[in-house]
């Protein structure tokens, strides 16, 4: 199982990731609020600015302080 680092010693299984998106887009802000209401939001930013939103196949939404492009590269490298 390949684990993708979301920063600050936090990770998610690569095969569970459905999408990586820029956190500043309006639809992503709505997704974040919906996940918060449904108790599926996981904030791994360590108090830093949210730059990427990672959505998993289980419906969980991860907030990451790492750029979406960097996360995408890590996923591609993991195969």
Foldseek 3Di string as FASTA:
>chain_A
DDWQDLDPPDTDDLVFWDDKDFCPDPVNVVLQVVCVVVVQEAEPQVPDDFGMWTATPVGHIYTGPDHSVVSVVSSVVVD
